[in-house]
Amino acid sequence: MVKKQQNRVATKADTDALARRLDGHDKRFDTMEGIQRNFAIEMIKLRTETVALEERLIARIKKFENYFATTLDRAVGRMETFWRESATLPKALDRFEAALTDHERRITSLENRSAR
């Protein structure tokens, strides 16, 4: 059965007993508040360090992107030069070959005239 509580006025002894029972509890709450405060401070420090780390990483990534883009541009420029040369060099060699053949024909013609 449930015990029925009586409505009565608290006495000095009742309040002293309650104060003794709650005596350690307020210290625990103070300790918890201190722990929460320290935890909040550590969280702010961690957030600050995280933001700084993020900024450093972004800077390093941008630096690498610039280096990579520069290297890639240089390589593409060299490839374009090779392609250009590979397209024009055979034509130039054909012209030189034609001129050389023409010189050989003229030299042979001159040698034949002088031999007569």
Protein backbone atom coordinates (compact mmCIF):
# COMPACT_ATOMS: atom_id res chain seq x y z
CA MET A 1 0.00 0.00 0.00
CA VAL A 2 1.00 3.53 -0.62
CA LYS A 3 1.78 5.48 2.48
CA LYS A 4 -0.21 8.68 2.64
CA GLN A 5 1.90 11.75 3.36
CA GLN A 6 0.69 14.16 5.91
CA ASN A 7 0.58 17.86 5.22
CA ARG A 8 2.48 19.45 8.03
CA VAL A 9 4.73 22.43 8.47
CA ALA A 10 8.48 21.78 8.29
CA THR A 11 10.38 22.29 11.47
CA LYS A 12 13.90 23.62 11.97
CA ALA A 13 15.09 20.07 12.42
CA ASP A 14 13.49 19.08 9.10
CA THR A 15 15.22 21.90 7.22
CA ASP A 16 18.56 21.16 8.91
CA ALA A 17 18.26 17.50 7.93
CA LEU A 18 17.45 18.47 4.36
CA ALA A 19 20.40 20.88 4.29
CA ARG A 20 22.73 18.08 5.48
CA ARG A 21 21.37 15.76 2.78
CA LEU A 22 21.87 18.38 0.06
CA ASP A 23 25.20 19.61 1.39
CA GLY A 24 27.37 17.66 -1.08
CA HIS A 25 25.02 18.13 -4.01
CA ASP A 26 25.66 21.85 -4.54
CA LYS A 27 29.41 21.13 -4.67
CA ARG A 28 28.73 18.51 -7.33
CA PHE A 29 26.76 21.07 -9.37
CA ASP A 30 29.63 23.55 -9.06
CA THR A 31 31.99 20.83 -10.25
CA MET A 32 29.70 20.04 -13.19
CA GLU A 33 29.50 23.72 -14.12
CA GLY A 34 33.30 23.88 -14.08
CA ILE A 35 33.54 20.78 -16.23
CA GLN A 36 31.02 22.22 -18.69
CA ARG A 37 32.89 25.53 -18.80
CA ASN A 38 36.21 23.75 -19.42
CA PHE A 39 34.59 21.57 -22.06
CA ALA A 40 33.20 24.65 -23.84
CA ILE A 41 36.63 26.32 -23.75
CA GLU A 42 38.29 23.20 -25.18
CA MET A 43 35.65 23.00 -27.91
CA ILE A 44 36.35 26.63 -28.88
CA LYS A 45 40.10 25.92 -28.96
CA LEU A 46 39.52 22.83 -31.07
CA ARG A 47 37.31 24.78 -33.46
CA THR A 48 39.97 27.47 -33.78
CA GLU A 49 42.66 24.88 -34.48
CA THR A 50 40.38 23.18 -37.00
CA VAL A 51 39.74 26.44 -38.84
CA ALA A 52 43.48 27.19 -38.93
CA LEU A 53 44.22 23.69 -40.22
CA GLU A 54 41.53 24.05 -42.87
CA GLU A 55 42.99 27.37 -44.03
CA ARG A 56 46.50 25.85 -44.25
CA LEU A 57 45.18 22.90 -46.24
CA ILE A 58 43.31 25.19 -48.63
CA ALA A 59 46.46 27.27 -49.15
CA ARG A 60 48.54 24.14 -49.85
CA ILE A 61 45.95 22.78 -52.26
CA LYS A 62 45.84 26.09 -54.15
CA LYS A 63 49.65 26.14 -54.30
CA PHE A 64 49.63 22.58 -55.68
CA GLU A 65 46.91 23.51 -58.19
CA ASN A 66 49.04 26.41 -59.44
CA TYR A 67 52.12 24.21 -59.70
CA PHE A 68 50.15 21.49 -61.50
CA ALA A 69 48.54 23.98 -63.91
CA THR A 70 51.93 25.54 -64.71
CA THR A 71 53.56 22.16 -65.28
CA LEU A 72 50.66 21.00 -67.43
CA ASP A 73 50.74 24.21 -69.51
CA ARG A 74 54.47 23.77 -70.06
CA ALA A 75 54.03 20.13 -71.12
CA VAL A 76 51.16 21.00 -73.45
CA GLY A 77 53.27 23.77 -75.00
CA ARG A 78 56.09 21.33 -75.67
CA MET A 79 53.70 18.80 -77.17
CA GLU A 80 52.25 21.48 -79.45
CA THR A 81 55.78 22.35 -80.58
CA PHE A 82 56.48 18.68 -81.33
CA TRP A 83 53.23 18.32 -83.25
CA ARG A 84 53.97 21.46 -85.25
CA GLU A 85 57.47 20.26 -86.04
CA SER A 86 56.25 16.80 -86.97
CA ALA A 87 53.78 18.39 -89.39
CA THR A 88 56.24 20.84 -90.99
CA LEU A 89 59.49 18.84 -90.91
CA PRO A 90 58.49 16.23 -93.52
CA LYS A 91 57.41 19.02 -95.89
CA ALA A 92 60.73 20.82 -95.40
CA LEU A 93 62.64 17.59 -95.99
CA ASP A 94 60.65 17.02 -99.20
CA ARG A 95 61.59 20.54 -100.39
CA PHE A 96 65.27 19.95 -99.56
CA GLU A 97 65.18 16.59 -101.32
CA ALA A 98 63.64 18.19 -104.41
CA ALA A 99 66.29 20.95 -104.39
CA LEU A 100 69.06 18.39 -103.91
CA THR A 101 67.74 16.29 -106.77
CA ASP A 102 67.58 19.40 -108.94
CA HIS A 103 71.20 20.28 -108.00
CA GLU A 104 72.35 16.75 -108.79
CA ARG A 105 70.63 16.92 -112.20
CA ARG A 106 72.26 20.28 -112.99
CA ILE A 107 75.71 19.13 -111.80
CA THR A 108 75.42 16.01 -113.92
CA SER A 109 74.35 18.15 -116.87
CA LEU A 110 77.35 20.49 -116.36
CA GLU A 111 79.74 17.56 -116.04
CA ASN A 112 78.41 16.07 -119.28
CA ARG A 113 78.92 19.41 -121.10
CA SER A 114 82.47 19.81 -119.86
CA ALA A 115 83.29 16.21 -120.81
CA ARG A 116 82.33 16.84 -124.47
